[in-house]
């Protein structure tokens, strides 16, 4: 099956727990259509380059997907219908990255 990376930006007024629930809901659309979610990364609340629907910040989430195109289309359709998602982008890739992306926040050891 083809490999994809999908990033979406959720509204700034959502709590981190709500963003995780939203990510799980979106991942369920992929798994229900014979696809798999290889990795999910929550990049946190970041400032946007410009306002989107009166939002200056957004929660970024990355999915690495191994899925048929029909499942990706269903995921994108549901992202388009969701009022909590400001923008999304899907890109086909050749292979998954072995390490975490540089955008992923590093948690400091106490």
PDB file of N, CA and C in Angstrom:
ATOM      1  N   UNK A   1       0.842  -1.188   0.000  1.00  0.00           N
ATOM      2  CA  UNK A   1       0.000   0.000   0.000  1.00  0.00           C
ATOM      3  C   UNK A   1       0.883   1.246   0.000  1.00  0.00           C
ATOM      4  N   UNK A   2       0.382   2.331  -0.538  1.00  0.00           N
ATOM      5  CA  UNK A   2       1.155   3.577  -0.546  1.00  0.00           C
ATOM      6  C   UNK A   2       1.341   4.135   0.868  1.00  0.00           C
ATOM      7  N   UNK A   3       2.417   4.877   1.046  1.00  0.00           N
ATOM      8  CA  UNK A   3       2.726   5.516   2.325  1.00  0.00           C
ATOM      9  C   UNK A   3       2.452   7.013   2.212  1.00  0.00           C
ATOM     10  N   UNK A   4       1.886   7.590   3.272  1.00  0.00           N
ATOM     11  CA  UNK A   4       1.538   9.015   3.279  1.00  0.00           C
ATOM     12  C   UNK A   4       1.922   9.649   4.609  1.00  0.00           C
ATOM     13  N   UNK A   5       2.199  10.942   4.565  1.00  0.00           N
ATOM     14  CA  UNK A   5       2.296  11.774   5.759  1.00  0.00           C
ATOM     15  C   UNK A   5       1.178  12.794   5.678  1.00  0.00           C
ATOM     16  N   UNK A   6       0.430  12.914   6.760  1.00  0.00           N
ATOM     17  CA  UNK A   6      -0.660  13.887   6.829  1.00  0.00           C
ATOM     18  C   UNK A   6      -0.464  14.740   8.064  1.00  0.00           C
ATOM     19  N   UNK A   7      -0.499  16.048   7.876  1.00  0.00           N
ATOM     20  CA  UNK A   7      -0.416  16.994   8.990  1.00  0.00           C
ATOM     21  C   UNK A   7      -1.711  17.792   9.006  1.00  0.00           C
ATOM     22  N   UNK A   8      -2.273  17.967  10.207  1.00  0.00           N
ATOM     23  CA  UNK A   8      -3.419  18.852  10.315  1.00  0.00           C
ATOM     24  C   UNK A   8      -3.223  19.826  11.453  1.00  0.00           C
ATOM     25  N   UNK A   9      -3.898  20.971  11.342  1.00  0.00           N
ATOM     26  CA  UNK A   9      -3.837  22.030  12.354  1.00  0.00           C
ATOM     27  C   UNK A   9      -5.230  22.147  12.962  1.00  0.00           C
ATOM     28  N   UNK A  10      -5.294  21.970  14.288  1.00  0.00           N
ATOM     29  CA  UNK A  10      -6.562  22.082  15.013  1.00  0.00           C
ATOM     30  C   UNK A  10      -6.657  23.461  15.657  1.00  0.00           C
ATOM     31  N   UNK A  11      -7.873  23.879  15.980  1.00  0.00           N
ATOM     32  CA  UNK A  11      -8.116  25.191  16.572  1.00  0.00           C
ATOM     33  C   UNK A  11      -7.328  25.381  17.864  1.00  0.00           C
ATOM     34  N   UNK A  12      -6.987  26.634  18.165  1.00  0.00           N
ATOM     35  CA  UNK A  12      -6.179  26.959  19.334  1.00  0.00           C
ATOM     36  C   UNK A  12      -6.940  26.823  20.642  1.00  0.00           C
ATOM     37  N   UNK A  13      -8.264  26.931  20.628  1.00  0.00           N
ATOM     38  CA  UNK A  13      -9.019  26.899  21.872  1.00  0.00           C
ATOM     39  C   UNK A  13      -9.345  25.485  22.344  1.00  0.00           C
ATOM     40  N   UNK A  14      -8.865  24.466  21.637  1.00  0.00           N
ATOM     41  CA  UNK A  14      -9.042  23.090  22.085  1.00  0.00           C
ATOM     42  C   UNK A  14      -7.987  22.749  23.134  1.00  0.00           C
ATOM     43  N   UNK A  15      -8.373  21.961  24.117  1.00  0.00           N
ATOM     44  CA  UNK A  15      -7.422  21.476  25.118  1.00  0.00           C
ATOM     45  C   UNK A  15      -6.586  20.362  24.489  1.00  0.00           C
ATOM     46  N   UNK A  16      -5.365  20.135  24.990  1.00  0.00           N
ATOM     47  CA  UNK A  16      -4.541  19.050  24.437  1.00  0.00           C
ATOM     48  C   UNK A  16      -5.236  17.685  24.457  1.00  0.00           C
ATOM     49  N   UNK A  17      -6.046  17.428  25.478  1.00  0.00           N
ATOM     50  CA  UNK A  17      -6.778  16.160  25.534  1.00  0.00           C
ATOM     51  C   UNK A  17      -7.800  16.072  24.403  1.00  0.00           C
ATOM     52  N   UNK A  18      -8.433  17.203  24.079  1.00  0.00           N
ATOM     53  CA  UNK A  18      -9.399  17.221  22.976  1.00  0.00           C
ATOM     54  C   UNK A  18      -8.704  17.008  21.634  1.00  0.00           C
ATOM     55  N   UNK A  19      -7.495  17.532  21.506  1.00  0.00           N
ATOM     56  CA  UNK A  19      -6.731  17.343  20.265  1.00  0.00           C
ATOM     57  C   UNK A  19      -6.370  15.871  20.109  1.00  0.00           C
ATOM     58  N   UNK A  20      -5.991  15.212  21.199  1.00  0.00           N
ATOM     59  CA  UNK A  20      -5.679  13.781  21.138  1.00  0.00           C
ATOM     60  C   UNK A  20      -6.913  12.969  20.757  1.00  0.00           C
ATOM     61  N   UNK A  21      -8.082  13.325  21.302  1.00  0.00           N
ATOM     62  CA  UNK A  21      -9.319  12.638  20.933  1.00  0.00           C
ATOM     63  C   UNK A  21      -9.646  12.850  19.458  1.00  0.00           C
ATOM     64  N   UNK A  22      -9.422  14.066  18.973  1.00  0.00           N
ATOM     65  CA  UNK A  22      -9.655  14.370  17.567  1.00  0.00           C
ATOM     66  C   UNK A  22      -8.718  13.545  16.683  1.00  0.00           C
ATOM     67  N   UNK A  23      -7.452  13.423  17.090  1.00  0.00           N
ATOM     68  CA  UNK A  23      -6.481  12.623  16.332  1.00  0.00           C
ATOM     69  C   UNK A  23      -6.893  11.151  16.319  1.00  0.00           C
ATOM     70  N   UNK A  24      -7.369  10.636  17.448  1.00  0.00           N
ATOM     71  CA  UNK A  24      -7.826   9.245  17.502  1.00  0.00           C
ATOM     72  C   UNK A  24      -9.036   9.034  16.600  1.00  0.00           C
ATOM     73  N   UNK A  25      -9.932  10.019  16.593  1.00  0.00           N
ATOM     74  CA  UNK A  25     -11.123   9.939  15.743  1.00  0.00           C
ATOM     75  C   UNK A  25     -10.723   9.909  14.271  1.00  0.00           C
ATOM     76  N   UNK A  26      -9.769  10.755  13.887  1.00  0.00           N
ATOM     77  CA  UNK A  26      -9.317  10.796  12.499  1.00  0.00           C
ATOM     78  C   UNK A  26      -8.561   9.511  12.137  1.00  0.00           C
ATOM     79  N   UNK A  27      -7.786   8.975  13.064  1.00  0.00           N
ATOM     80  CA  UNK A  27      -7.056   7.728  12.812  1.00  0.00           C
ATOM     81  C   UNK A  27      -8.025   6.564  12.634  1.00  0.00           C
ATOM     82  N   UNK A  28      -9.156   6.623  13.301  1.00  0.00           N
ATOM     83  CA  UNK A  28     -10.158   5.553  13.190  1.00  0.00           C
ATOM     84  C   UNK A  28     -10.728   5.474  11.770  1.00  0.00           C
ATOM     85  N   UNK A  29     -10.833   6.602  11.075  1.00  0.00           N
ATOM     86  CA  UNK A  29     -11.312   6.577   9.691  1.00  0.00           C
ATOM     87  C   UNK A  29     -10.352   5.789   8.811  1.00  0.00           C
ATOM     88  N   UNK A  30      -9.064   5.873   9.097  1.00  0.00           N
ATOM     89  CA  UNK A  30      -8.066   5.139   8.319  1.00  0.00           C
ATOM     90  C   UNK A  30      -8.148   3.651   8.635  1.00  0.00           C
ATOM     91  N   UNK A  31      -8.174   3.311   9.920  1.00  0.00           N
ATOM     92  CA  UNK A  31      -8.185   1.896  10.300  1.00  0.00           C
ATOM     93  C   UNK A  31      -9.485   1.204   9.898  1.00  0.00           C
ATOM     94  N   UNK A  32     -10.584   1.930   9.872  1.00  0.00           N
ATOM     95  CA  UNK A  32     -11.854   1.338   9.440  1.00  0.00           C
ATOM     96  C   UNK A  32     -11.877   1.037   7.944  1.00  0.00           C
ATOM     97  N   UNK A  33     -10.999   1.668   7.186  1.00  0.00           N
ATOM     98  CA  UNK A  33     -10.937   1.472   5.732  1.00  0.00           C
ATOM     99  C   UNK A  33      -9.692   0.697   5.312  1.00  0.00           C
ATOM    100  N   UNK A  34      -9.266  -0.260   6.125  1.00  0.00           N
ATOM    101  CA  UNK A  34      -8.163  -1.193   5.825  1.00  0.00           C
ATOM    102  C   UNK A  34      -6.791  -0.531   5.751  1.00  0.00           C
ATOM    103  N   UNK A  35      -6.609   0.586   6.428  1.00  0.00           N
ATOM    104  CA  UNK A  35      -5.303   1.224   6.484  1.00  0.00           C
ATOM    105  C   UNK A  35      -4.715   1.117   7.884  1.00  0.00           C
ATOM    106  N   UNK A  36      -3.457   1.511   8.026  1.00  0.00           N
ATOM    107  CA  UNK A  36      -2.823   1.503   9.341  1.00  0.00           C
ATOM    108  C   UNK A  36      -2.160   2.849   9.588  1.00  0.00           C
ATOM    109  N   UNK A  37      -2.175   3.267  10.844  1.00  0.00           N
ATOM    110  CA  UNK A  37      -1.487   4.481  11.262  1.00  0.00           C
ATOM    111  C   UNK A  37      -0.160   4.031  11.863  1.00  0.00           C
ATOM    112  N   UNK A  38       0.921   4.329  11.167  1.00  0.00           N
ATOM    113  CA  UNK A  38       2.245   3.898  11.611  1.00  0.00           C
ATOM    114  C   UNK A  38       2.714   4.691  12.819  1.00  0.00           C
ATOM    115  N   UNK A  39       2.498   6.010  12.799  1.00  0.00           N
ATOM    116  CA  UNK A  39       2.957   6.871  13.888  1.00  0.00           C
ATOM    117  C   UNK A  39       2.081   8.114  13.952  1.00  0.00           C
ATOM    118  N   UNK A  40       1.871   8.604  15.175  1.00  0.00           N
ATOM    119  CA  UNK A  40       1.166   9.866  15.406  1.00  0.00           C
ATOM    120  C   UNK A  40       2.050  10.733  16.285  1.00  0.00           C
ATOM    121  N   UNK A  41       2.322  11.954  15.848  1.00  0.00           N
ATOM    122  CA  UNK A  41       3.124  12.897  16.638  1.00  0.00           C
ATOM    123  C   UNK A  41       2.307  14.152  16.885  1.00  0.00           C
ATOM    124  N   UNK A  42       2.243  14.555  18.147  1.00  0.00           N
ATOM    125  CA  UNK A  42       1.590  15.804  18.519  1.00  0.00           C
ATOM    126  C   UNK A  42       2.686  16.847  18.672  1.00  0.00           C
ATOM    127  N   UNK A  43       2.687  17.835  17.786  1.00  0.00           N
ATOM    128  CA  UNK A  43       3.730  18.851  17.793  1.00  0.00           C
ATOM    129  C   UNK A  43       3.425  20.001  18.733  1.00  0.00           C
ATOM    130  N   UNK A  44       2.227  20.059  19.258  1.00  0.00           N
ATOM    131  CA  UNK A  44       1.887  21.090  20.230  1.00  0.00           C
ATOM    132  C   UNK A  44       1.279  22.331  19.603  1.00  0.00           C
ATOM    133  N   UNK A  45       1.100  23.348  20.448  1.00  0.00           N
ATOM    134  CA  UNK A  45       0.496  24.621  20.033  1.00  0.00           C
ATOM    135  C   UNK A  45       1.580  25.525  19.466  1.00  0.00           C
ATOM    136  N   UNK A  46       1.426  25.917  18.206  1.00  0.00           N
ATOM    137  CA  UNK A  46       2.422  26.756  17.535  1.00  0.00           C
ATOM    138  C   UNK A  46       1.738  27.966  16.920  1.00  0.00           C
ATOM    139  N   UNK A  47       2.502  29.052  16.782  1.00  0.00           N
ATOM    140  CA  UNK A  47       2.002  30.271  16.159  1.00  0.00           C
ATOM    141  C   UNK A  47       1.926  30.088  14.650  1.00  0.00           C
ATOM    142  N   UNK A  48       0.814  30.507  14.071  1.00  0.00           N
ATOM    143  CA  UNK A  48       0.624  30.425  12.623  1.00  0.00           C
ATOM    144  C   UNK A  48       1.289  31.615  11.939  1.00  0.00           C
ATOM    145  N   UNK A  49       1.647  31.468  10.690  1.00  0.00           N
ATOM    146  CA  UNK A  49       2.262  32.558   9.929  1.00  0.00           C
ATOM    147  C   UNK A  49       1.254  33.674   9.642  1.00  0.00           C
ATOM    148  N   UNK A  50      -0.006  33.313   9.542  1.00  0.00           N
ATOM    149  CA  UNK A  50      -1.078  34.282   9.306  1.00  0.00           C
ATOM    150  C   UNK A  50      -2.351  33.737   9.949  1.00  0.00           C
ATOM    151  N   UNK A  51      -3.320  34.605  10.163  1.00  0.00           N
ATOM    152  CA  UNK A  51      -4.567  34.187  10.794  1.00  0.00           C
ATOM    153  C   UNK A  51      -5.361  33.260   9.875  1.00  0.00           C
ATOM    154  N   UNK A  52      -5.939  32.243  10.486  1.00  0.00           N
ATOM    155  CA  UNK A  52      -6.846  31.344   9.779  1.00  0.00           C
ATOM    156  C   UNK A  52      -8.132  31.314  10.601  1.00  0.00           C
ATOM    157  N   UNK A  53      -9.203  31.801  10.041  1.00  0.00           N
ATOM    158  CA  UNK A  53     -10.503  31.853  10.735  1.00  0.00           C
ATOM    159  C   UNK A  53     -10.371  32.467  12.131  1.00  0.00           C
ATOM    160  N   UNK A  54      -9.698  33.589  12.214  1.00  0.00           N
ATOM    161  CA  UNK A  54      -9.493  34.356  13.451  1.00  0.00           C
ATOM    162  C   UNK A  54      -8.615  33.641  14.485  1.00  0.00           C
ATOM    163  N   UNK A  55      -7.876  32.618  14.081  1.00  0.00           N
ATOM    164  CA  UNK A  55      -6.961  31.906  14.972  1.00  0.00           C
ATOM    165  C   UNK A  55      -5.528  32.326  14.673  1.00  0.00           C
ATOM    166  N   UNK A  56      -4.781  32.668  15.706  1.00  0.00           N
ATOM    167  CA  UNK A  56      -3.375  33.028  15.553  1.00  0.00           C
ATOM    168  C   UNK A  56      -2.443  31.860  15.856  1.00  0.00           C
ATOM    169  N   UNK A  57      -2.965  30.841  16.549  1.00  0.00           N
ATOM    170  CA  UNK A  57      -2.182  29.654  16.898  1.00  0.00           C
ATOM    171  C   UNK A  57      -2.975  28.419  16.518  1.00  0.00           C
ATOM    172  N   UNK A  58      -2.292  27.272  16.518  1.00  0.00           N
ATOM    173  CA  UNK A  58      -2.967  26.022  16.210  1.00  0.00           C
ATOM    174  C   UNK A  58      -2.189  24.840  16.751  1.00  0.00           C
ATOM    175  N   UNK A  59      -2.899  23.770  17.032  1.00  0.00           N
ATOM    176  CA  UNK A  59      -2.294  22.507  17.475  1.00  0.00           C
ATOM    177  C   UNK A  59      -1.951  21.694  16.226  1.00  0.00           C
ATOM    178  N   UNK A  60      -0.685  21.317  16.083  1.00  0.00           N
ATOM    179  CA  UNK A  60      -0.232  20.550  14.933  1.00  0.00           C
ATOM    180  C   UNK A  60      -0.154  19.066  15.295  1.00  0.00           C
ATOM    181  N   UNK A  61      -0.624  18.208  14.376  1.00  0.00           N
ATOM    182  CA  UNK A  61      -0.574  16.757  14.557  1.00  0.00           C
ATOM    183  C   UNK A  61      -0.119  16.125  13.244  1.00  0.00           C
ATOM    184  N   UNK A  62       0.823  15.166  13.336  1.00  0.00           N
ATOM    185  CA  UNK A  62       1.351  14.457  12.170  1.00  0.00           C
ATOM    186  C   UNK A  62       0.926  12.997  12.236  1.00  0.00           C
ATOM    187  N   UNK A  63       0.456  12.455  11.113  1.00  0.00           N
ATOM    188  CA  UNK A  63       0.174  11.027  10.957  1.00  0.00           C
ATOM    189  C   UNK A  63       1.117  10.475   9.905  1.00  0.00           C
ATOM    190  N   UNK A  64       1.666   9.283  10.137  1.00  0.00           N
ATOM    191  CA  UNK A  64       2.332   8.512   9.101  1.00  0.00           C
ATOM    192  C   UNK A  64       1.415   7.342   8.807  1.00  0.00           C
ATOM    193  N   UNK A  65       0.949   7.244   7.563  1.00  0.00           N
ATOM    194  CA  UNK A  65      -0.092   6.294   7.195  1.00  0.00           C
ATOM    195  C   UNK A  65       0.386   5.300   6.144  1.00  0.00           C
ATOM    196  N   UNK A  66      -0.026   4.058   6.306  1.00  0.00           N
ATOM    197  CA  UNK A  66       0.140   3.014   5.303  1.00  0.00           C
ATOM    198  C   UNK A  66      -1.276   2.607   4.933  1.00  0.00           C
ATOM    199  N   UNK A  67      -1.790   3.187   3.855  1.00  0.00           N
ATOM    200  CA  UNK A  67      -3.219   3.091   3.601  1.00  0.00           C
ATOM    201  C   UNK A  67      -3.532   3.116   2.111  1.00  0.00           C
ATOM    202  N   UNK A  68      -4.644   2.505   1.712  1.00  0.00           N
ATOM    203  CA  UNK A  68      -5.060   2.649   0.313  1.00  0.00           C
ATOM    204  C   UNK A  68      -5.588   4.063   0.051  1.00  0.00           C
ATOM    205  N   UNK A  69      -5.547   4.506  -1.179  1.00  0.00           N
ATOM    206  CA  UNK A  69      -6.009   5.869  -1.494  1.00  0.00           C
ATOM    207  C   UNK A  69      -7.453   6.154  -1.083  1.00  0.00           C
ATOM    208  N   UNK A  70      -8.320   5.158  -1.126  1.00  0.00           N
ATOM    209  CA  UNK A  70      -9.719   5.382  -0.746  1.00  0.00           C
ATOM    210  C   UNK A  70      -9.834   5.766   0.724  1.00  0.00           C
ATOM    211  N   UNK A  71      -9.032   5.166   1.580  1.00  0.00           N
ATOM    212  CA  UNK A  71      -9.052   5.497   3.007  1.00  0.00           C
ATOM    213  C   UNK A  71      -8.514   6.905   3.234  1.00  0.00           C
ATOM    214  N   UNK A  72      -7.497   7.299   2.479  1.00  0.00           N
ATOM    215  CA  UNK A  72      -6.963   8.658   2.592  1.00  0.00           C
ATOM    216  C   UNK A  72      -8.006   9.684   2.158  1.00  0.00           C
ATOM    217  N   UNK A  73      -8.737   9.390   1.106  1.00  0.00           N
ATOM    218  CA  UNK A  73      -9.788  10.304   0.657  1.00  0.00           C
ATOM    219  C   UNK A  73     -10.883  10.439   1.708  1.00  0.00           C
ATOM    220  N   UNK A  74     -11.221   9.345   2.376  1.00  0.00           N
ATOM    221  CA  UNK A  74     -12.233   9.390   3.435  1.00  0.00           C
ATOM    222  C   UNK A  74     -11.728  10.218   4.613  1.00  0.00           C
ATOM    223  N   UNK A  75     -10.447  10.059   4.968  1.00  0.00           N
ATOM    224  CA  UNK A  75      -9.847  10.856   6.040  1.00  0.00           C
ATOM    225  C   UNK A  75      -9.890  12.342   5.689  1.00  0.00           C
ATOM    226  N   UNK A  76      -9.475  12.687   4.490  1.00  0.00           N
ATOM    227  CA  UNK A  76      -9.465  14.084   4.068  1.00  0.00           C
ATOM    228  C   UNK A  76     -10.881  14.656   3.997  1.00  0.00           C
ATOM    229  N   UNK A  77     -11.846  13.861   3.590  1.00  0.00           N
ATOM    230  CA  UNK A  77     -13.236  14.322   3.547  1.00  0.00           C
ATOM    231  C   UNK A  77     -13.725  14.664   4.948  1.00  0.00           C
ATOM    232  N   UNK A  78     -13.399  13.832   5.916  1.00  0.00           N
ATOM    233  CA  UNK A  78     -13.823  14.093   7.288  1.00  0.00           C
ATOM    234  C   UNK A  78     -13.063  15.258   7.907  1.00  0.00           C
ATOM    235  N   UNK A  79     -11.815  15.456   7.522  1.00  0.00           N
ATOM    236  CA  UNK A  79     -11.069  16.629   7.995  1.00  0.00           C
ATOM    237  C   UNK A  79     -11.685  17.906   7.438  1.00  0.00           C
ATOM    238  N   UNK A  80     -12.115  17.855   6.195  1.00  0.00           N
ATOM    239  CA  UNK A  80     -12.734  19.014   5.562  1.00  0.00           C
ATOM    240  C   UNK A  80     -14.061  19.361   6.237  1.00  0.00           C
ATOM    241  N   UNK A  81     -14.792  18.357   6.714  1.00  0.00           N
ATOM    242  CA  UNK A  81     -16.082  18.573   7.357  1.00  0.00           C
ATOM    243  C   UNK A  81     -15.957  19.004   8.819  1.00  0.00           C
ATOM    244  N   UNK A  82     -14.836  18.698   9.458  1.00  0.00           N
ATOM    245  CA  UNK A  82     -14.655  19.006  10.872  1.00  0.00           C
ATOM    246  C   UNK A  82     -14.444  20.506  11.082  1.00  0.00           C
ATOM    247  N   UNK A  83     -15.173  21.071  12.028  1.00  0.00           N
ATOM    248  CA  UNK A  83     -15.016  22.493  12.350  1.00  0.00           C
ATOM    249  C   UNK A  83     -13.789  22.739  13.215  1.00  0.00           C
ATOM    250  N   UNK A  84     -13.244  21.695  13.833  1.00  0.00           N
ATOM    251  CA  UNK A  84     -12.086  21.838  14.706  1.00  0.00           C
ATOM    252  C   UNK A  84     -10.769  21.863  13.935  1.00  0.00           C
ATOM    253  N   UNK A  85     -10.762  21.437  12.693  1.00  0.00           N
ATOM    254  CA  UNK A  85      -9.535  21.392  11.893  1.00  0.00           C
ATOM    255  C   UNK A  85      -9.504  22.593  10.959  1.00  0.00           C
ATOM    256  N   UNK A  86      -8.438  23.384  11.082  1.00  0.00           N
ATOM    257  CA  UNK A  86      -8.289  24.588  10.264  1.00  0.00           C
ATOM    258  C   UNK A  86      -7.723  24.271   8.884  1.00  0.00           C
ATOM    259  N   UNK A  87      -6.654  23.473   8.835  1.00  0.00           N
ATOM    260  CA  UNK A  87      -5.996  23.104   7.585  1.00  0.00           C
ATOM    261  C   UNK A  87      -5.448  21.682   7.720  1.00  0.00           C
ATOM    262  N   UNK A  88      -5.256  21.044   6.566  1.00  0.00           N
ATOM    263  CA  UNK A  88      -4.606  19.736   6.539  1.00  0.00           C
ATOM    264  C   UNK A  88      -3.843  19.606   5.238  1.00  0.00           C
ATOM    265  N   UNK A  89      -2.877  18.701   5.229  1.00  0.00           N
ATOM    266  CA  UNK A  89      -2.104  18.449   4.018  1.00  0.00           C
ATOM    267  C   UNK A  89      -1.601  17.011   4.045  1.00  0.00           C
ATOM    268  N   UNK A  90      -1.772  16.307   2.939  1.00  0.00           N
ATOM    269  CA  UNK A  90      -1.302  14.933   2.812  1.00  0.00           C
ATOM    270  C   UNK A  90      -0.298  14.856   1.671  1.00  0.00           C
ATOM    271  N   UNK A  91       0.797  14.109   1.911  1.00  0.00           N
ATOM    272  CA  UNK A  91       1.858  13.965   0.927  1.00  0.00           C
ATOM    273  C   UNK A  91       2.239  12.491   0.849  1.00  0.00           C
ATOM    274  N   UNK A  92       2.377  11.987  -0.366  1.00  0.00           N
ATOM    275  CA  UNK A  92       2.832  10.603  -0.535  1.00  0.00           C
ATOM    276  C   UNK A  92       4.344  10.565  -0.372  1.00  0.00           C
ATOM    277  N   UNK A  93       4.837   9.553   0.366  1.00  0.00           N
ATOM    278  CA  UNK A  93       6.271   9.433   0.629  1.00  0.00           C
ATOM    279  C   UNK A  93       6.756   8.052   0.199  1.00  0.00           C
ATOM    280  N   UNK A  94       8.071   7.913   0.078  1.00  0.00           N
ATOM    281  CA  UNK A  94       8.670   6.637  -0.323  1.00  0.00           C
ATOM    282  C   UNK A  94       8.876   5.701   0.867  1.00  0.00           C
ATOM    283  N   UNK A  95       9.304   6.271   2.021  1.00  0.00           N
ATOM    284  CA  UNK A  95       9.564   5.459   3.220  1.00  0.00           C
ATOM    285  C   UNK A  95       9.344   6.320   4.453  1.00  0.00           C
ATOM    286  N   UNK A  96       9.028   5.654   5.561  1.00  0.00           N
ATOM    287  CA  UNK A  96       8.857   6.366   6.819  1.00  0.00           C
ATOM    288  C   UNK A  96      10.211   6.773   7.377  1.00  0.00           C
ATOM    289  N   UNK A  97      10.257   7.895   8.090  1.00  0.00           N
ATOM    290  CA  UNK A  97      11.489   8.347   8.741  1.00  0.00           C
ATOM    291  C   UNK A  97      11.769   7.449   9.940  1.00  0.00           C
ATOM    292  N   UNK A  98      13.036   7.125  10.153  1.00  0.00           N
ATOM    293  CA  UNK A  98      13.408   6.236  11.260  1.00  0.00           C
ATOM    294  C   UNK A  98      13.381   6.963  12.597  1.00  0.00           C
ATOM    295  N   UNK A  99      13.683   8.252  12.597  1.00  0.00           N
ATOM    296  CA  UNK A  99      13.726   9.021  13.845  1.00  0.00           C
ATOM    297  C   UNK A  99      12.552   9.989  13.901  1.00  0.00           C
ATOM    298  N   UNK A 100      12.410  10.634  15.062  1.00  0.00           N
ATOM    299  CA  UNK A 100      11.352  11.628  15.221  1.00  0.00           C
ATOM    300  C   UNK A 100      11.668  12.844  14.354  1.00  0.00           C
ATOM    301  N   UNK A 101      10.620  13.547  13.983  1.00  0.00           N
ATOM    302  CA  UNK A 101      10.806  14.750  13.185  1.00  0.00           C
ATOM    303  C   UNK A 101      11.413  15.857  14.040  1.00  0.00           C
ATOM    304  N   UNK A 102      12.128  16.793  13.441  1.00  0.00           N
ATOM    305  CA  UNK A 102      12.748  17.875  14.221  1.00  0.00           C
ATOM    306  C   UNK A 102      11.736  18.799  14.893  1.00  0.00           C
ATOM    307  N   UNK A 103      10.483  18.781  14.455  1.00  0.00           N
ATOM    308  CA  UNK A 103       9.468  19.660  15.017  1.00  0.00           C
ATOM    309  C   UNK A 103       8.958  19.126  16.350  1.00  0.00           C
ATOM    310  N   UNK A 104       9.099  17.829  16.598  1.00  0.00           N
ATOM    311  CA  UNK A 104       8.570  17.212  17.800  1.00  0.00           C
ATOM    312  C   UNK A 104       9.184  17.846  19.049  1.00  0.00           C
ATOM    313  N   UNK A 105       8.348  18.297  19.990  1.00  0.00           N
ATOM    314  CA  UNK A 105       8.891  18.917  21.195  1.00  0.00           C
ATOM    315  C   UNK A 105       9.640  17.905  22.058  1.00  0.00           C
ATOM    316  N   UNK A 106      10.776  18.332  22.615  1.00  0.00           N
ATOM    317  CA  UNK A 106      11.587  17.478  23.463  1.00  0.00           C
ATOM    318  C   UNK A 106      11.179  17.707  24.910  1.00  0.00           C
ATOM    319  N   UNK A 107      10.844  16.632  25.612  1.00  0.00           N
ATOM    320  CA  UNK A 107      10.482  16.751  27.023  1.00  0.00           C
ATOM    321  C   UNK A 107      11.756  16.649  27.857  1.00  0.00           C
ATOM    322  N   UNK A 108      11.962  17.655  28.687  1.00  0.00           N
ATOM    323  CA  UNK A 108      13.176  17.690  29.496  1.00  0.00           C
ATOM    324  C   UNK A 108      13.053  16.737  30.674  1.00  0.00           C
ATOM    325  N   UNK A 109      14.152  16.067  30.991  1.00  0.00           N
ATOM    326  CA  UNK A 109      14.186  15.167  32.151  1.00  0.00           C
ATOM    327  C   UNK A 109      14.341  15.996  33.414  1.00  0.00           C
ATOM    328  N   UNK A 110      13.556  15.676  34.425  1.00  0.00           N
ATOM    329  CA  UNK A 110      13.586  16.456  35.667  1.00  0.00           C
ATOM    330  C   UNK A 110      14.658  15.966  36.606  1.00  0.00           C
TER     331      UNK A 110
END
